[in-house]
């Protein structure tokens, strides 16, 4: 029996070692492929964007590189399919590539600055998502764990609150700092080891993958004091996106989905905005002991943009200005604009003629409407 137990244990350890090697090989392969993509796609446009991010990276503000899915698809269609079907296999290695390149442009950084920069660097995706572009009504269980893009109207925004990412604690008895990292069910690095990091040795003491307890003392019972100035936090917000009323079937209420926003995505939209959000569709685990098989589903956003509220400010060239002035000069001799200010009255007269030409007369009303549109 002991021989069989030892043989089974050895076989299990060998299988775990093989799986770990395969995961590490896949991680390094994704880093290599994305690094090639950054250097070659669009003549190094993404590499230039990373240089711009490095100029503003100070460890206090977050930076996010937006990648077009179309560019990934042109570079490697299989890689684009992997990104949409299994995004967790791509996000961590791709983000690490961006972080390493920012560190190279920043120069020599301490270990603490490197860790802070890594927690502030993100990657987002925009562009055409194909069949993964859905409405909140079309979200199904088959899309769990995949990249989706949802369009809708923001109906609710929670308050932006800080969430602890890494806490630093000082032990007066041992004169040592201890660092603990925190990840919950909304983290994208669930497969990464978490635990306590000794600031002197740099060794990580493994803990559970889901760390929710805040340390009050170390393993020997010594009291720990939190160094709030050295700890790292991130902004967190929850918004609700509802499908547009015009898209809802007749006689049915619009469906909605909760979206979790972090760091630079917080407080960029408000209720009533029409938005386009890309992220990972995920089911959250229960916090209670109930055996219900129904889980809350949310979207972990990596990009968020307003839809239908683009900047409509006209960019006039020198030729456009000349043409506008030439049109205004045609009405300089008109008696209706003789008492008006030079130039402005002529332009208003010209716009009034072009405004609602199918309605005769009512010039004052047309001028008033034009001034309201300015």
Protein backbone atom coordinates (compact mmCIF):
# COMPACT_ATOMS: atom_id res chain seq x y z
CA UNK A 1 0.00 0.00 0.00
CA UNK A 2 2.83 2.42 0.84
CA UNK A 3 4.52 1.61 -2.45
CA UNK A 4 1.32 2.34 -4.38
CA UNK A 5 0.82 5.58 -2.43
CA UNK A 6 4.35 6.78 -3.16
CA UNK A 7 4.04 5.77 -6.83
CA UNK A 8 0.75 7.66 -7.16
CA UNK A 9 2.19 10.71 -5.44
CA UNK A 10 5.25 10.68 -7.69
CA UNK A 11 3.02 10.38 -10.77
CA UNK A 12 0.85 13.27 -9.59
CA UNK A 13 3.87 15.50 -8.95
CA UNK A 14 5.25 14.62 -12.37
CA UNK A 15 1.93 15.55 -14.03
CA UNK A 16 1.79 18.85 -12.13
CA UNK A 17 5.33 19.62 -13.19
CA UNK A 18 4.43 18.89 -16.82
CA UNK A 19 1.36 21.12 -16.65
CA UNK A 20 3.41 23.91 -15.08
CA UNK A 21 6.02 23.64 -17.84
CA UNK A 22 3.31 23.73 -20.52
CA UNK A 23 1.72 26.82 -18.97
CA UNK A 24 5.09 28.57 -18.78
CA UNK A 25 5.86 27.67 -22.39
CA UNK A 26 2.46 28.98 -23.50
CA UNK A 27 3.02 32.19 -21.51
CA UNK A 28 6.41 32.82 -23.11
CA UNK A 29 5.03 31.99 -26.56
CA UNK A 30 2.27 34.59 -26.15
CA UNK A 31 4.83 37.18 -25.05
CA UNK A 32 6.96 36.50 -28.12
CA UNK A 33 4.03 36.69 -30.53
CA UNK A 34 2.70 39.92 -29.06
CA UNK A 35 6.16 41.50 -29.02
CA UNK A 36 6.45 40.71 -32.74
CA UNK A 37 2.99 42.19 -33.30
CA UNK A 38 3.91 45.42 -31.50
CA UNK A 39 7.12 45.85 -33.51
CA UNK A 40 5.74 45.04 -36.96
CA UNK A 41 2.06 46.00 -37.05
CA UNK A 42 1.26 49.41 -38.59
CA UNK A 43 4.96 50.20 -38.97
CA UNK A 44 5.55 50.20 -35.23
CA UNK A 45 2.56 52.39 -34.33
CA UNK A 46 1.92 50.48 -31.10
CA UNK A 47 5.58 50.72 -30.15
CA UNK A 48 5.26 54.51 -30.51
CA UNK A 49 2.15 54.50 -28.32
CA UNK A 50 4.07 52.61 -25.64
CA UNK A 51 6.78 55.29 -25.73
CA UNK A 52 4.09 57.93 -25.17
CA UNK A 53 2.70 55.92 -22.24
CA UNK A 54 6.18 55.73 -20.73
CA UNK A 55 6.42 59.54 -20.69
CA UNK A 56 3.34 59.83 -18.44
CA UNK A 57 3.94 56.69 -16.34
CA UNK A 58 4.73 57.88 -12.81
CA UNK A 59 3.40 54.97 -10.72
CA UNK A 60 0.44 57.01 -9.47
CA UNK A 61 -1.69 57.17 -12.62
CA UNK A 62 -2.63 54.16 -14.73
CA UNK A 63 -1.87 53.79 -18.42
CA UNK A 64 -3.72 51.62 -20.93
CA UNK A 65 -2.66 50.51 -24.41
CA UNK A 66 -5.66 50.13 -26.76
CA UNK A 67 -5.20 47.38 -29.35
CA UNK A 68 -7.42 47.03 -32.40
CA UNK A 69 -8.78 43.52 -32.85
CA UNK A 70 -8.65 44.06 -36.62
CA UNK A 71 -4.89 44.58 -36.44
CA UNK A 72 -4.45 41.36 -34.47
CA UNK A 73 -6.63 39.56 -37.01
CA UNK A 74 -4.50 40.85 -39.91
CA UNK A 75 -1.32 39.83 -38.10
CA UNK A 76 -2.52 36.33 -37.18
CA UNK A 77 -6.13 35.16 -37.49
CA UNK A 78 -5.55 32.25 -35.09
CA UNK A 79 -4.16 34.63 -32.48
CA UNK A 80 -7.24 36.85 -32.82
CA UNK A 81 -9.50 33.83 -32.40
CA UNK A 82 -7.57 32.79 -29.29
CA UNK A 83 -7.92 36.32 -27.89
CA UNK A 84 -11.70 36.26 -28.28
CA UNK A 85 -12.22 32.66 -27.15
CA UNK A 86 -9.64 32.45 -24.32
CA UNK A 87 -8.67 36.02 -23.39
CA UNK A 88 -7.09 35.04 -20.06
CA UNK A 89 -4.33 33.21 -21.94
CA UNK A 90 -3.42 36.47 -23.70
CA UNK A 91 -4.05 39.31 -21.25
CA UNK A 92 -1.35 38.50 -18.68
CA UNK A 93 1.57 37.91 -21.11
CA UNK A 94 0.54 40.81 -23.36
CA UNK A 95 0.30 43.19 -20.41
CA UNK A 96 3.70 42.02 -19.21
CA UNK A 97 5.20 42.88 -22.61
CA UNK A 98 3.77 46.40 -22.38
CA UNK A 99 5.05 46.76 -18.81
CA UNK A 100 8.56 45.59 -19.73
CA UNK A 101 8.77 48.02 -22.65
CA UNK A 102 7.61 50.91 -20.48
CA UNK A 103 10.28 49.97 -17.94
CA UNK A 104 12.92 49.99 -20.67
CA UNK A 105 11.93 53.51 -21.71
CA UNK A 106 11.78 54.70 -18.09
CA UNK A 107 15.29 53.47 -17.29
CA UNK A 108 16.48 51.94 -14.03
CA UNK A 109 13.63 51.43 -11.54
CA UNK A 110 13.63 49.98 -8.05
CA UNK A 111 11.73 46.78 -7.33
CA UNK A 112 8.98 48.71 -5.58
CA UNK A 113 8.61 51.10 -8.52
CA UNK A 114 8.55 48.15 -10.92
CA UNK A 115 5.77 46.40 -8.98
CA UNK A 116 3.75 49.62 -8.79
CA UNK A 117 4.17 50.24 -12.51
CA UNK A 118 3.06 46.69 -13.30
CA UNK A 119 -0.15 47.16 -11.28
CA UNK A 120 -0.90 50.44 -13.11
CA UNK A 121 -0.36 49.12 -16.66
CA UNK A 122 -3.34 47.72 -18.57
CA UNK A 123 -4.32 46.71 -22.06
CA UNK A 124 -7.68 47.21 -23.76
CA UNK A 125 -9.27 46.14 -27.04
CA UNK A 126 -11.36 48.02 -29.58
CA UNK A 127 -12.56 47.41 -33.12
CA UNK A 128 -14.65 44.71 -34.75
CA UNK A 129 -15.46 41.75 -32.49
CA UNK A 130 -17.57 39.84 -35.00
CA UNK A 131 -20.00 37.40 -33.38
CA UNK A 132 -18.73 38.49 -29.96
CA UNK A 133 -20.43 41.89 -30.43
CA UNK A 134 -23.70 41.33 -28.59
CA UNK A 135 -26.38 43.19 -26.66
CA UNK A 136 -27.14 42.54 -22.97
CA UNK A 137 -30.12 40.44 -24.05
CA UNK A 138 -27.93 38.14 -26.14
CA UNK A 139 -25.46 37.23 -23.36
CA UNK A 140 -25.60 33.49 -22.70
CA UNK A 141 -23.67 30.92 -20.69
CA UNK A 142 -21.65 29.89 -23.76
CA UNK A 143 -19.99 33.32 -23.66
CA UNK A 144 -18.68 32.96 -20.10
CA UNK A 145 -14.93 33.40 -19.99
CA UNK A 146 -14.83 34.94 -23.48
CA UNK A 147 -14.23 38.46 -24.76
CA UNK A 148 -17.46 40.28 -25.58
CA UNK A 149 -18.38 43.77 -26.76
CA UNK A 150 -21.64 45.27 -25.52
CA UNK A 151 -23.40 48.45 -26.58
CA UNK A 152 -26.13 50.12 -24.58
CA UNK A 153 -27.23 52.96 -22.34
CA UNK A 154 -25.75 53.55 -18.88
CA UNK A 155 -28.61 53.51 -16.36
CA UNK A 156 -26.72 53.43 -13.06
CA UNK A 157 -23.25 54.35 -11.82
CA UNK A 158 -21.97 53.49 -8.37
CA UNK A 159 -19.58 55.66 -6.42
CA UNK A 160 -15.90 55.23 -7.24
CA UNK A 161 -14.22 53.48 -4.33
CA UNK A 162 -10.61 52.43 -3.74
CA UNK A 163 -9.76 48.73 -3.75
CA UNK A 164 -6.54 47.52 -2.17
CA UNK A 165 -4.14 45.78 -4.55
CA UNK A 166 -1.02 45.48 -2.40
CA UNK A 167 -0.66 46.38 1.27
CA UNK A 168 2.64 47.02 3.04
CA UNK A 169 2.97 46.31 6.77
CA UNK A 170 5.72 47.23 9.23
CA UNK A 171 6.66 44.97 12.12
CA UNK A 172 8.34 46.91 14.93
CA UNK A 173 9.53 43.72 16.65
CA UNK A 174 11.44 42.33 13.65
CA UNK A 175 12.10 45.68 11.91
CA UNK A 176 10.89 44.18 8.63
CA UNK A 177 8.32 45.12 6.00
CA UNK A 178 5.79 42.56 4.78
CA UNK A 179 3.81 42.92 1.56
CA UNK A 180 0.54 41.17 0.82
CA UNK A 181 -1.29 41.11 -2.51
CA UNK A 182 -5.06 40.76 -2.80
CA UNK A 183 -7.16 39.18 -5.52
CA UNK A 184 -10.85 38.42 -5.56
CA UNK A 185 -13.19 36.80 -8.08
CA UNK A 186 -12.97 39.87 -10.32
CA UNK A 187 -9.19 39.62 -10.79
CA UNK A 188 -7.79 38.56 -14.13
CA UNK A 189 -4.78 36.82 -12.53
CA UNK A 190 -6.63 34.08 -10.64
CA UNK A 191 -4.04 31.50 -11.65
CA UNK A 192 -1.12 33.50 -10.26
CA UNK A 193 0.29 32.86 -6.83
CA UNK A 194 -0.62 35.29 -4.09
CA UNK A 195 0.79 35.66 -0.66
CA UNK A 196 3.13 37.53 1.62
CA UNK A 197 6.34 39.00 0.23
CA UNK A 198 9.29 39.57 2.50
CA UNK A 199 10.83 42.89 1.55
CA UNK A 200 14.29 41.80 2.69
CA UNK A 201 14.57 38.37 1.09
CA UNK A 202 12.17 38.92 -1.82
CA UNK A 203 10.64 35.47 -1.25
CA UNK A 204 6.93 34.92 -1.60
CA UNK A 205 5.07 32.89 1.01
CA UNK A 206 2.20 31.15 -0.86
CA UNK A 207 -1.33 31.62 0.41
CA UNK A 208 -4.78 30.87 -0.89
CA UNK A 209 -5.53 32.09 -4.41
CA UNK A 210 -8.32 34.25 -3.00
CA UNK A 211 -6.94 36.55 -0.31
CA UNK A 212 -9.62 38.48 1.54
CA UNK A 213 -8.26 38.76 5.11
CA UNK A 214 -6.33 41.82 6.18
CA UNK A 215 -3.26 40.91 8.29
CA UNK A 216 -3.08 42.16 11.86
CA UNK A 217 -0.06 40.12 12.96
CA UNK A 218 2.66 37.97 11.39
CA UNK A 219 3.18 34.21 11.77
CA UNK A 220 4.90 34.71 15.14
CA UNK A 221 2.11 36.87 16.53
CA UNK A 222 3.94 40.20 16.22
CA UNK A 223 1.70 43.21 15.65
CA UNK A 224 1.78 44.69 12.14
CA UNK A 225 1.21 48.34 11.29
CA UNK A 226 -0.14 49.26 7.86
CA UNK A 227 1.97 51.63 5.77
CA UNK A 228 -0.83 53.39 3.88
CA UNK A 229 1.58 55.58 1.94
CA UNK A 230 3.42 52.55 0.55
CA UNK A 231 0.32 50.47 -0.18
CA UNK A 232 -1.16 50.36 -3.68
CA UNK A 233 -4.85 50.91 -4.40
CA UNK A 234 -6.96 51.07 -7.53
CA UNK A 235 -10.23 52.82 -8.25
CA UNK A 236 -13.25 50.57 -8.66
CA UNK A 237 -16.73 51.31 -9.97
CA UNK A 238 -19.78 49.33 -11.07
CA UNK A 239 -22.05 50.60 -13.85
CA UNK A 240 -25.18 49.08 -15.33
CA UNK A 241 -25.54 49.01 -19.12
CA UNK A 242 -29.02 48.48 -20.55
CA UNK A 243 -29.84 47.62 -24.12
CA UNK A 244 -31.18 50.59 -26.12
CA UNK A 245 -34.99 50.92 -25.97
CA UNK A 246 -35.21 50.86 -29.75
CA UNK A 247 -33.45 47.48 -29.81
CA UNK A 248 -35.73 45.78 -27.26
CA UNK A 249 -38.43 43.51 -28.70
CA UNK A 250 -41.94 44.93 -28.73
CA UNK A 251 -43.70 44.43 -25.42
CA UNK A 252 -40.57 43.33 -23.49
CA UNK A 253 -38.49 45.22 -20.98
CA UNK A 254 -34.87 46.06 -21.87
CA UNK A 255 -32.23 43.77 -20.38
CA UNK A 256 -29.14 45.01 -18.57
CA UNK A 257 -25.74 43.80 -17.39
CA UNK A 258 -23.36 45.03 -14.68
CA UNK A 259 -19.90 46.16 -15.76
CA UNK A 260 -16.91 46.50 -13.40
CA UNK A 261 -14.53 49.38 -14.16
CA UNK A 262 -11.04 49.86 -12.72
CA UNK A 263 -8.40 52.60 -12.69
CA UNK A 264 -8.57 54.90 -15.73
CA UNK A 265 -12.02 53.64 -16.81
CA UNK A 266 -13.65 54.98 -13.65
CA UNK A 267 -15.89 58.07 -13.86
CA UNK A 268 -15.65 58.56 -17.61
CA UNK A 269 -19.36 57.88 -18.26
CA UNK A 270 -22.56 58.99 -16.58
CA UNK A 271 -26.18 57.75 -16.59
CA UNK A 272 -27.80 58.39 -19.94
CA UNK A 273 -24.63 57.96 -22.01
CA UNK A 274 -24.62 55.48 -24.86
CA UNK A 275 -21.44 53.44 -24.52
CA UNK A 276 -19.53 50.64 -26.16
CA UNK A 277 -17.78 48.34 -23.71
CA UNK A 278 -15.38 45.46 -24.30
CA UNK A 279 -14.42 42.99 -21.60
CA UNK A 280 -14.51 39.46 -20.26
CA UNK A 281 -17.88 37.94 -19.38
CA UNK A 282 -17.55 36.21 -16.01
CA UNK A 283 -19.69 34.51 -13.37
CA UNK A 284 -18.93 35.45 -9.76
CA UNK A 285 -18.82 32.85 -7.00
CA UNK A 286 -21.19 32.82 -4.05
CA UNK A 287 -20.09 34.34 -0.74
CA UNK A 288 -22.70 32.41 1.20
CA UNK A 289 -23.03 28.70 1.95
CA UNK A 290 -26.15 28.28 -0.17
CA UNK A 291 -26.04 25.59 -2.83
CA UNK A 292 -27.84 27.61 -5.49
CA UNK A 293 -26.61 26.96 -9.01
CA UNK A 294 -27.38 30.51 -10.18
CA UNK A 295 -24.43 32.89 -10.24
CA UNK A 296 -24.22 36.62 -10.79
CA UNK A 297 -22.67 37.46 -14.14
CA UNK A 298 -20.72 40.63 -14.88
CA UNK A 299 -18.35 42.06 -17.49
CA UNK A 300 -14.78 42.93 -16.50
CA UNK A 301 -14.18 45.89 -18.80
CA UNK A 302 -10.87 46.58 -20.50
CA UNK A 303 -12.11 49.42 -22.75
CA UNK A 304 -15.04 51.80 -22.57
CA UNK A 305 -16.01 54.54 -25.01
CA UNK A 306 -19.03 56.75 -25.50
CA UNK A 307 -21.07 55.98 -28.60
CA UNK A 308 -23.03 58.69 -30.36
CA UNK A 309 -21.35 61.52 -28.45
CA UNK A 310 -18.30 62.03 -30.61
CA UNK A 311 -16.75 65.43 -30.99
CA UNK A 312 -18.70 67.19 -33.75
CA UNK A 313 -16.65 70.37 -33.73
CA UNK A 314 -15.93 71.42 -37.31
CA UNK A 315 -12.28 71.70 -38.21
CA UNK A 316 -12.14 74.57 -40.71
CA UNK A 317 -9.25 74.98 -43.09
CA UNK A 318 -8.04 78.31 -44.48
CA UNK A 319 -9.90 77.62 -47.72
CA UNK A 320 -13.13 76.99 -45.82
CA UNK A 321 -12.84 80.34 -44.03
CA UNK A 322 -12.28 82.14 -47.34
CA UNK A 323 -15.34 80.50 -48.89
CA UNK A 324 -17.51 81.39 -45.89
CA UNK A 325 -16.47 85.03 -46.10
CA UNK A 326 -17.14 85.11 -49.84
CA UNK A 327 -20.68 83.88 -49.25
CA UNK A 328 -21.22 86.51 -46.55
CA UNK A 329 -20.06 89.28 -48.92
CA UNK A 330 -22.91 88.51 -51.30
CA UNK A 331 -25.35 89.90 -48.71
CA UNK A 332 -23.42 93.01 -47.71
CA UNK A 333 -25.66 95.26 -49.80
CA UNK A 334 -28.86 93.77 -48.41
CA UNK A 335 -30.94 96.31 -46.49
CA UNK A 336 -32.01 93.66 -44.00
CA UNK A 337 -28.47 93.40 -42.67
CA UNK A 338 -27.43 97.05 -42.98
CA UNK A 339 -28.04 97.71 -39.30
CA UNK A 340 -26.32 94.50 -38.20
CA UNK A 341 -22.69 94.20 -37.25
CA UNK A 342 -20.35 94.03 -40.25
CA UNK A 343 -19.68 90.45 -41.26
CA UNK A 344 -21.79 88.75 -38.60
CA UNK A 345 -25.15 90.00 -39.91
CA UNK A 346 -24.25 88.99 -43.43
CA UNK A 347 -23.26 85.51 -42.33
CA UNK A 348 -26.45 85.14 -40.28
CA UNK A 349 -28.50 86.26 -43.29
CA UNK A 350 -26.81 83.66 -45.49
CA UNK A 351 -27.38 80.90 -42.95
CA UNK A 352 -31.01 81.95 -42.56
CA UNK A 353 -31.64 81.49 -46.27
CA UNK A 354 -30.05 78.02 -46.19
CA UNK A 355 -31.90 76.99 -43.01
CA UNK A 356 -35.17 75.11 -43.70
CA UNK A 357 -35.48 76.36 -47.31
CA UNK A 358 -38.83 74.63 -47.76
CA UNK A 359 -40.41 77.05 -45.23
CA UNK A 360 -40.97 80.52 -46.65
CA UNK A 361 -40.57 83.59 -44.46
CA UNK A 362 -40.17 83.46 -40.66
CA UNK A 363 -36.65 84.87 -40.98
CA UNK A 364 -36.46 86.00 -37.35
CA UNK A 365 -37.43 82.54 -36.13
CA UNK A 366 -34.84 80.93 -38.39
CA UNK A 367 -32.15 83.29 -37.14
CA UNK A 368 -33.08 82.51 -33.54
CA UNK A 369 -32.86 78.74 -34.19
CA UNK A 370 -29.47 79.18 -35.84
CA UNK A 371 -28.16 81.11 -32.84
CA UNK A 372 -29.43 78.33 -30.56
CA UNK A 373 -27.43 75.78 -32.55
CA UNK A 374 -24.19 77.72 -32.17
